[in-house]
Each structure stands twice: as structure tokens, then as C-alpha cells.
Amino acid sequence: MDSSTYPFLAHATPRPGQLEMIQDGIKALAGGGFHLAAAPTGIGKTAASLAAALEVAGRSSQKKTVFFLTSRQTQHRIVVDTVRRINQRRQGMMPVRLVDMVGQAGMCVQPFAKESPLVFSLMCSQAPENTFLQALDHRRTGPQGAHSRQPAPR
């Protein structure tokens, strides 16, 4: 298989091992599993994993959302850049939409999160614990759909 088989590949010419990584990722994700890839820097893990996840999501009859989480801002920028490259290659096709958030304040659904770092830190430490899925539920349905929980023990 060549790169034209995968419409969500960020580059015209895949790096060695990328197509196999994409195929393995598609197989795992399509079967409801997960794919853990460990490879040296520069192999193209980000592009391959995005290509596989977007391919599986695109094949689904239901609307799917792909979450790509990184532990470092430099990795975050690579993901954003990769999605931009994917969209450049997909001229004339539906673009991949990206929402990127950096840091805890960027993920907080509370209006005070954007006030200032100090306000956020103080208010967040006193707010009830919110899980990621509860935050998504809150964004979809508004405050009435959110579930409250007791603060986590400190």
C-alpha cells in the first residue's frame, strides 16, 4: 500500500515504518482496541497515529471525536502542525477540525478560568472535582447537564 491509500496522512511520502504503523493502528482501533507504539524520535508516530485514528473515525457511521493528548507543549504543537498539513493535503475534501487546549485552565469549563492565573488557581482549588467526561457533558448540555461531585480529599 502507498500513501494515497490513506487520505489522512500528513505527508506525500511516508517515512519508513509509517504505513505499517497506520495499518496496525487501524486494525486495533477498528476492532475496538488500542495501539501502543514505541519508536525513536522522528519516525512519524504522531502522523501515523492521527492518520489511523482519523481513518477509523471517518469510516464510522456515527460521528466520532478523536482525542489526542500530549504531556508537553512541544508535542502539542506537533499535533496541531500535523493536522494543518493533513488539511493542506485534503484540498477540496472536508477538513479535519481541531480544538486545541493547553493547560488546566484551557480545559476548565468555569468562566473564572480565563480571569487570571491567580483567580483560576484559587477558584479551581475550591471547586468541586470535575472529570473530563463531566466537562464534556457540561459543554454539550449546559450547567443543568453537569453532575456535581464532592471535592477530592486533599
C-alpha atoms as a PDB file:
ATOM      1  CA  MET A   1       0.000   0.000   0.000  1.00  0.00           C
ATOM      2  CA  ASP A   2       1.160   3.530  -0.679  1.00  0.00           C
ATOM      3  CA  SER A   3       0.358   6.878   0.917  1.00  0.00           C
ATOM      4  CA  SER A   4      -2.575   7.540  -1.449  1.00  0.00           C
ATOM      5  CA  THR A   5      -4.450   4.761   0.369  1.00  0.00           C
ATOM      6  CA  TYR A   6      -4.566   6.928   3.499  1.00  0.00           C
ATOM      7  CA  PRO A   7      -6.289  10.301   2.996  1.00  0.00           C
ATOM      8  CA  PHE A   8      -5.283  11.494   6.472  1.00  0.00           C
ATOM      9  CA  LEU A   9      -1.534  11.147   6.037  1.00  0.00           C
ATOM     10  CA  ALA A  10       0.254  14.456   6.604  1.00  0.00           C
ATOM     11  CA  HIS A  11       2.996  13.943   4.004  1.00  0.00           C
ATOM     12  CA  ALA A  12       3.012  12.734   0.401  1.00  0.00           C
ATOM     13  CA  THR A  13       5.811  10.281   1.115  1.00  0.00           C
ATOM     14  CA  PRO A  14       5.525   8.280   4.328  1.00  0.00           C
ATOM     15  CA  ARG A  15       8.607   7.577   6.414  1.00  0.00           C
ATOM     16  CA  PRO A  16       9.874   4.009   6.729  1.00  0.00           C
ATOM     17  CA  GLY A  17       7.568   2.064   9.020  1.00  0.00           C
ATOM     18  CA  GLN A  18       4.751   4.614   8.974  1.00  0.00           C
ATOM     19  CA  LEU A  19       2.418   2.680   6.676  1.00  0.00           C
ATOM     20  CA  GLU A  20       2.786  -0.427   8.826  1.00  0.00           C
ATOM     21  CA  MET A  21       2.126   1.654  11.943  1.00  0.00           C
ATOM     22  CA  ILE A  22      -1.010   3.100  10.319  1.00  0.00           C
ATOM     23  CA  GLN A  23      -2.228  -0.344   9.290  1.00  0.00           C
ATOM     24  CA  ASP A  24      -1.650  -1.712  12.802  1.00  0.00           C
ATOM     25  CA  GLY A  25      -3.424   1.299  14.312  1.00  0.00           C
ATOM     26  CA  ILE A  26      -6.431   0.954  12.003  1.00  0.00           C
ATOM     27  CA  LYS A  27      -6.716  -2.756  12.758  1.00  0.00           C
ATOM     28  CA  ALA A  28      -6.563  -2.185  16.514  1.00  0.00           C
ATOM     29  CA  LEU A  29      -8.921   0.810  16.611  1.00  0.00           C
ATOM     30  CA  ALA A  30     -11.456  -0.688  14.193  1.00  0.00           C
ATOM     31  CA  GLY A  31     -11.619  -3.722  16.473  1.00  0.00           C
ATOM     32  CA  GLY A  32     -12.346  -1.551  19.498  1.00  0.00           C
ATOM     33  CA  GLY A  33      -8.850  -1.859  20.905  1.00  0.00           C
ATOM     34  CA  PHE A  34      -5.872   0.414  21.216  1.00  0.00           C
ATOM     35  CA  HIS A  35      -2.445   0.618  19.645  1.00  0.00           C
ATOM     36  CA  LEU A  36       0.633   1.420  21.683  1.00  0.00           C
ATOM     37  CA  ALA A  37       3.602   2.395  19.527  1.00  0.00           C
ATOM     38  CA  ALA A  38       7.121   2.948  20.801  1.00  0.00           C
ATOM     39  CA  ALA A  39       9.634   4.164  18.257  1.00  0.00           C
ATOM     40  CA  PRO A  40      12.552   6.601  18.065  1.00  0.00           C
ATOM     41  CA  THR A  41      12.013  10.344  17.658  1.00  0.00           C
ATOM     42  CA  GLY A  42      11.384  11.329  14.050  1.00  0.00           C
ATOM     43  CA  ILE A  43       9.797   8.069  12.899  1.00  0.00           C
ATOM     44  CA  GLY A  44       6.414   9.756  12.457  1.00  0.00           C
ATOM     45  CA  LYS A  45       4.392   8.309  15.330  1.00  0.00           C
ATOM     46  CA  THR A  46       2.195  11.413  15.596  1.00  0.00           C
ATOM     47  CA  ALA A  47       1.308  11.475  11.898  1.00  0.00           C
ATOM     48  CA  ALA A  48       0.761   7.706  11.795  1.00  0.00           C
ATOM     49  CA  SER A  49      -1.448   7.609  14.873  1.00  0.00           C
ATOM     50  CA  LEU A  50      -3.523  10.567  13.676  1.00  0.00           C
ATOM     51  CA  ALA A  51      -3.877   9.004  10.216  1.00  0.00           C
ATOM     52  CA  ALA A  52      -5.101   5.734  11.732  1.00  0.00           C
ATOM     53  CA  ALA A  53      -7.485   7.337  14.227  1.00  0.00           C
ATOM     54  CA  LEU A  54      -8.971   9.741  11.671  1.00  0.00           C
ATOM     55  CA  GLU A  55      -9.355   6.925   9.137  1.00  0.00           C
ATOM     56  CA  VAL A  56     -11.293   4.755  11.598  1.00  0.00           C
ATOM     57  CA  ALA A  57     -13.409   7.719  12.744  1.00  0.00           C
ATOM     58  CA  GLY A  58     -14.134   8.648   9.122  1.00  0.00           C
ATOM     59  CA  ARG A  59     -15.309   5.134   8.267  1.00  0.00           C
ATOM     60  CA  SER A  60     -17.780   5.045  11.149  1.00  0.00           C
ATOM     61  CA  SER A  61     -21.481   5.531  10.524  1.00  0.00           C
ATOM     62  CA  GLN A  62     -21.605   7.504  13.785  1.00  0.00           C
ATOM     63  CA  LYS A  63     -19.910  10.839  14.412  1.00  0.00           C
ATOM     64  CA  LYS A  64     -16.614  10.200  16.176  1.00  0.00           C
ATOM     65  CA  THR A  65     -14.271  12.510  18.044  1.00  0.00           C
ATOM     66  CA  VAL A  66     -10.555  11.806  18.213  1.00  0.00           C
ATOM     67  CA  PHE A  67      -8.797  12.964  21.382  1.00  0.00           C
ATOM     68  CA  PHE A  68      -5.048  13.369  21.109  1.00  0.00           C
ATOM     69  CA  LEU A  69      -3.455  14.178  24.438  1.00  0.00           C
ATOM     70  CA  THR A  70       0.159  15.190  24.916  1.00  0.00           C
ATOM     71  CA  SER A  71       2.243  15.744  28.012  1.00  0.00           C
ATOM     72  CA  ARG A  72       4.383  18.526  26.582  1.00  0.00           C
ATOM     73  CA  GLN A  73       3.608  21.752  24.732  1.00  0.00           C
ATOM     74  CA  THR A  74       6.204  20.898  22.095  1.00  0.00           C
ATOM     75  CA  GLN A  75       4.320  17.674  21.366  1.00  0.00           C
ATOM     76  CA  HIS A  76       1.073  19.646  21.311  1.00  0.00           C
ATOM     77  CA  ARG A  77       2.469  21.951  18.616  1.00  0.00           C
ATOM     78  CA  ILE A  78       3.491  18.926  16.533  1.00  0.00           C
ATOM     79  CA  VAL A  79      -0.093  17.609  16.626  1.00  0.00           C
ATOM     80  CA  VAL A  80      -1.523  20.999  15.599  1.00  0.00           C
ATOM     81  CA  ASP A  81       1.017  21.285  12.768  1.00  0.00           C
ATOM     82  CA  THR A  82       0.282  17.717  11.632  1.00  0.00           C
ATOM     83  CA  VAL A  83      -3.460  18.405  11.415  1.00  0.00           C
ATOM     84  CA  ARG A  84      -2.736  21.559   9.394  1.00  0.00           C
ATOM     85  CA  ARG A  85      -0.611  19.509   6.995  1.00  0.00           C
ATOM     86  CA  ILE A  86      -3.348  16.886   6.707  1.00  0.00           C
ATOM     87  CA  ASN A  87      -5.834  19.612   5.781  1.00  0.00           C
ATOM     88  CA  GLN A  88      -3.438  21.091   3.199  1.00  0.00           C
ATOM     89  CA  ARG A  89      -3.246  17.685   1.517  1.00  0.00           C
ATOM     90  CA  ARG A  90      -7.043  17.261   1.652  1.00  0.00           C
ATOM     91  CA  GLN A  91      -7.846  20.272  -0.560  1.00  0.00           C
ATOM     92  CA  GLY A  92     -11.460  20.029  -1.697  1.00  0.00           C
ATOM     93  CA  MET A  93     -12.372  17.498   0.999  1.00  0.00           C
ATOM     94  CA  MET A  94     -13.936  18.077   4.380  1.00  0.00           C
ATOM     95  CA  PRO A  95     -11.185  19.407   6.651  1.00  0.00           C
ATOM     96  CA  VAL A  96     -10.249  17.881   9.958  1.00  0.00           C
ATOM     97  CA  ARG A  97     -11.463  20.224  12.681  1.00  0.00           C
ATOM     98  CA  LEU A  98      -9.148  20.774  15.614  1.00  0.00           C
ATOM     99  CA  VAL A  99      -9.738  22.178  19.063  1.00  0.00           C
ATOM    100  CA  ASP A 100      -6.536  22.577  20.978  1.00  0.00           C
ATOM    101  CA  MET A 101      -6.264  23.338  24.659  1.00  0.00           C
ATOM    102  CA  VAL A 102      -3.117  23.876  26.661  1.00  0.00           C
ATOM    103  CA  GLY A 103      -3.036  23.552  30.420  1.00  0.00           C
ATOM    104  CA  GLN A 104      -5.646  23.046  33.064  1.00  0.00           C
ATOM    105  CA  ALA A 105      -7.211  26.496  32.598  1.00  0.00           C
ATOM    106  CA  GLY A 106      -7.738  25.760  28.903  1.00  0.00           C
ATOM    107  CA  MET A 107      -9.808  22.703  29.779  1.00  0.00           C
ATOM    108  CA  CYS A 108     -11.824  24.280  32.591  1.00  0.00           C
ATOM    109  CA  VAL A 109     -15.499  24.894  31.798  1.00  0.00           C
ATOM    110  CA  GLN A 110     -15.886  27.535  34.501  1.00  0.00           C
ATOM    111  CA  PRO A 111     -15.989  31.188  33.378  1.00  0.00           C
ATOM    112  CA  PHE A 112     -13.438  32.219  36.022  1.00  0.00           C
ATOM    113  CA  ALA A 113     -10.754  30.122  34.311  1.00  0.00           C
ATOM    114  CA  LYS A 114      -9.933  32.937  31.900  1.00  0.00           C
ATOM    115  CA  GLU A 115      -9.791  35.704  34.547  1.00  0.00           C
ATOM    116  CA  SER A 116      -6.171  35.409  35.635  1.00  0.00           C
ATOM    117  CA  PRO A 117      -3.810  32.639  36.703  1.00  0.00           C
ATOM    118  CA  LEU A 118      -4.194  33.609  40.368  1.00  0.00           C
ATOM    119  CA  VAL A 119      -8.005  33.694  40.247  1.00  0.00           C
ATOM    120  CA  PHE A 120      -8.056  30.385  38.401  1.00  0.00           C
ATOM    121  CA  SER A 121      -5.696  28.733  40.873  1.00  0.00           C
ATOM    122  CA  LEU A 122      -7.678  29.913  43.898  1.00  0.00           C
ATOM    123  CA  MET A 123     -11.106  29.133  42.470  1.00  0.00           C
ATOM    124  CA  CYS A 124     -10.110  25.811  40.959  1.00  0.00           C
ATOM    125  CA  SER A 125      -8.681  24.561  44.249  1.00  0.00           C
ATOM    126  CA  GLN A 126     -12.049  25.257  45.898  1.00  0.00           C
ATOM    127  CA  ALA A 127     -14.274  23.977  43.071  1.00  0.00           C
ATOM    128  CA  PRO A 128     -15.839  20.508  43.102  1.00  0.00           C
ATOM    129  CA  GLU A 129     -13.803  17.920  41.256  1.00  0.00           C
ATOM    130  CA  ASN A 130     -14.831  17.646  37.613  1.00  0.00           C
ATOM    131  CA  THR A 131     -13.884  14.720  35.449  1.00  0.00           C
ATOM    132  CA  PHE A 132     -13.072  15.147  31.776  1.00  0.00           C
ATOM    133  CA  LEU A 133     -16.320  13.475  30.680  1.00  0.00           C
ATOM    134  CA  GLN A 134     -18.364  15.647  33.020  1.00  0.00           C
ATOM    135  CA  ALA A 135     -16.736  18.701  31.492  1.00  0.00           C
ATOM    136  CA  LEU A 136     -17.706  17.474  28.019  1.00  0.00           C
ATOM    137  CA  ASP A 137     -21.252  16.809  29.211  1.00  0.00           C
ATOM    138  CA  HIS A 138     -21.361  20.361  30.612  1.00  0.00           C
ATOM    139  CA  ARG A 139     -20.265  21.823  27.272  1.00  0.00           C
ATOM    140  CA  ARG A 140     -22.897  19.823  25.384  1.00  0.00           C
ATOM    141  CA  THR A 141     -25.873  20.390  27.659  1.00  0.00           C
ATOM    142  CA  GLY A 142     -25.046  23.464  29.730  1.00  0.00           C
ATOM    143  CA  PRO A 143     -24.874  23.696  33.507  1.00  0.00           C
ATOM    144  CA  GLN A 144     -28.113  21.777  34.023  1.00  0.00           C
ATOM    145  CA  GLY A 145     -26.498  18.681  32.446  1.00  0.00           C
ATOM    146  CA  ALA A 146     -23.402  18.800  34.600  1.00  0.00           C
ATOM    147  CA  HIS A 147     -23.025  16.497  37.541  1.00  0.00           C
ATOM    148  CA  SER A 148     -21.550  17.729  40.767  1.00  0.00           C
ATOM    149  CA  ARG A 149     -19.254  15.683  42.945  1.00  0.00           C
ATOM    150  CA  GLN A 150     -17.765  16.164  46.342  1.00  0.00           C
ATOM    151  CA  PRO A 151     -14.267  17.635  46.343  1.00  0.00           C
ATOM    152  CA  ALA A 152     -11.496  15.084  46.320  1.00  0.00           C
ATOM    153  CA  PRO A 153      -9.791  14.550  49.671  1.00  0.00           C
ATOM    154  CA  ARG A 154      -6.588  16.569  49.984  1.00  0.00           C
END
